């Protein structure tokens, strides 16, 4: 992925952040790969939340993949 894609990812994450913040959590972009994998770190309340995998898949990954079709997967790194 190019630097432009990183900027697009950051912009999309900014649209998701208010929902995470409302529950005391957040997400940080750590890395992108040429294969279209985006690695993020969930922070705040998201770290210990039993619903964090659902937040990752149904929220963060779904939105990123809709907005940026070159993304193949989003992975949480702790």
Protein backbone atom coordinates (compact mmCIF):
# COMPACT_ATOMS: atom_id res chain seq x y z
CA UNK A 1 0.00 0.00 0.00
CA UNK A 2 1.19 3.50 -0.67
CA UNK A 3 1.40 6.50 1.62
CA UNK A 4 -1.81 7.78 0.03
CA UNK A 5 -3.57 4.66 1.25
CA UNK A 6 -2.23 5.25 4.76
CA UNK A 7 -3.75 8.71 4.71
CA UNK A 8 -7.06 7.30 3.47
CA UNK A 9 -7.02 4.74 6.28
CA UNK A 10 -6.39 7.46 8.85
CA UNK A 11 -9.29 9.51 7.47
CA UNK A 12 -11.65 6.54 7.65
CA UNK A 13 -10.50 5.73 11.19
CA UNK A 14 -11.35 9.31 12.17
CA UNK A 15 -14.97 8.64 11.16
CA UNK A 16 -15.06 5.52 13.39
CA UNK A 17 -13.36 7.08 16.43
CA UNK A 18 -16.43 8.87 17.86
CA UNK A 19 -18.19 5.52 18.28
CA UNK A 20 -15.17 4.00 20.02
CA UNK A 21 -14.71 7.10 22.20
CA UNK A 22 -18.35 6.90 23.32
CA UNK A 23 -17.49 3.57 24.97
CA UNK A 24 -14.11 4.71 26.28
CA UNK A 25 -11.99 3.09 23.56
CA UNK A 26 -9.91 4.03 20.57
CA UNK A 27 -7.94 2.56 17.67
CA UNK A 28 -4.38 3.27 16.51
CA UNK A 29 -3.06 2.46 13.04
CA UNK A 30 0.19 0.51 13.42
CA UNK A 31 1.07 -0.85 10.00
CA UNK A 32 -0.14 -1.64 6.50
CA UNK A 33 1.23 -4.34 4.24
CA UNK A 34 1.55 -4.65 0.47
CA UNK A 35 -0.92 -7.54 0.73
CA UNK A 36 -3.68 -5.21 1.95
CA UNK A 37 -3.54 -6.11 5.63
CA UNK A 38 -4.08 -3.28 8.08
CA UNK A 39 -2.74 -3.77 11.61
CA UNK A 40 -4.30 -1.74 14.38
CA UNK A 41 -4.15 -1.56 18.14
CA UNK A 42 -7.32 -1.20 20.17
CA UNK A 43 -6.81 0.99 23.22
CA UNK A 44 -8.70 2.19 26.27
CA UNK A 45 -11.83 0.25 27.17
CA UNK A 46 -11.51 -1.77 23.93
CA UNK A 47 -8.48 -3.64 25.32
CA UNK A 48 -10.47 -5.59 27.93
CA UNK A 49 -13.86 -5.55 26.26
CA UNK A 50 -15.31 -8.98 25.42
CA UNK A 51 -16.91 -7.40 22.33
CA UNK A 52 -13.61 -6.11 20.92
CA UNK A 53 -13.40 -8.77 18.19
CA UNK A 54 -16.91 -7.89 17.07
CA UNK A 55 -15.96 -4.20 17.09
CA UNK A 56 -12.90 -5.04 15.01
CA UNK A 57 -14.71 -7.18 12.40
CA UNK A 58 -18.22 -5.71 12.22
CA UNK A 59 -17.12 -2.13 12.77
CA UNK A 60 -13.56 -1.20 11.91
CA UNK A 61 -12.82 -3.84 9.27
CA UNK A 62 -16.20 -3.55 7.55
CA UNK A 63 -15.99 0.24 7.24
CA UNK A 64 -12.35 0.24 6.09
CA UNK A 65 -13.03 -2.43 3.45
CA UNK A 66 -16.10 -0.57 2.19
CA UNK A 67 -14.25 2.72 1.85
CA UNK A 68 -10.92 1.29 0.62
CA UNK A 69 -11.46 -1.84 -1.52
CA UNK A 70 -7.74 -2.68 -1.64
CA UNK A 71 -7.87 -3.64 2.06
CA UNK A 72 -8.20 -7.39 2.47
CA UNK A 73 -8.16 -7.75 6.26
CA UNK A 74 -7.77 -5.83 9.51
CA UNK A 75 -5.83 -7.41 12.37
CA UNK A 76 -5.62 -6.31 16.00
CA UNK A 77 -2.13 -6.30 17.51
CA UNK A 78 -1.75 -6.13 21.30
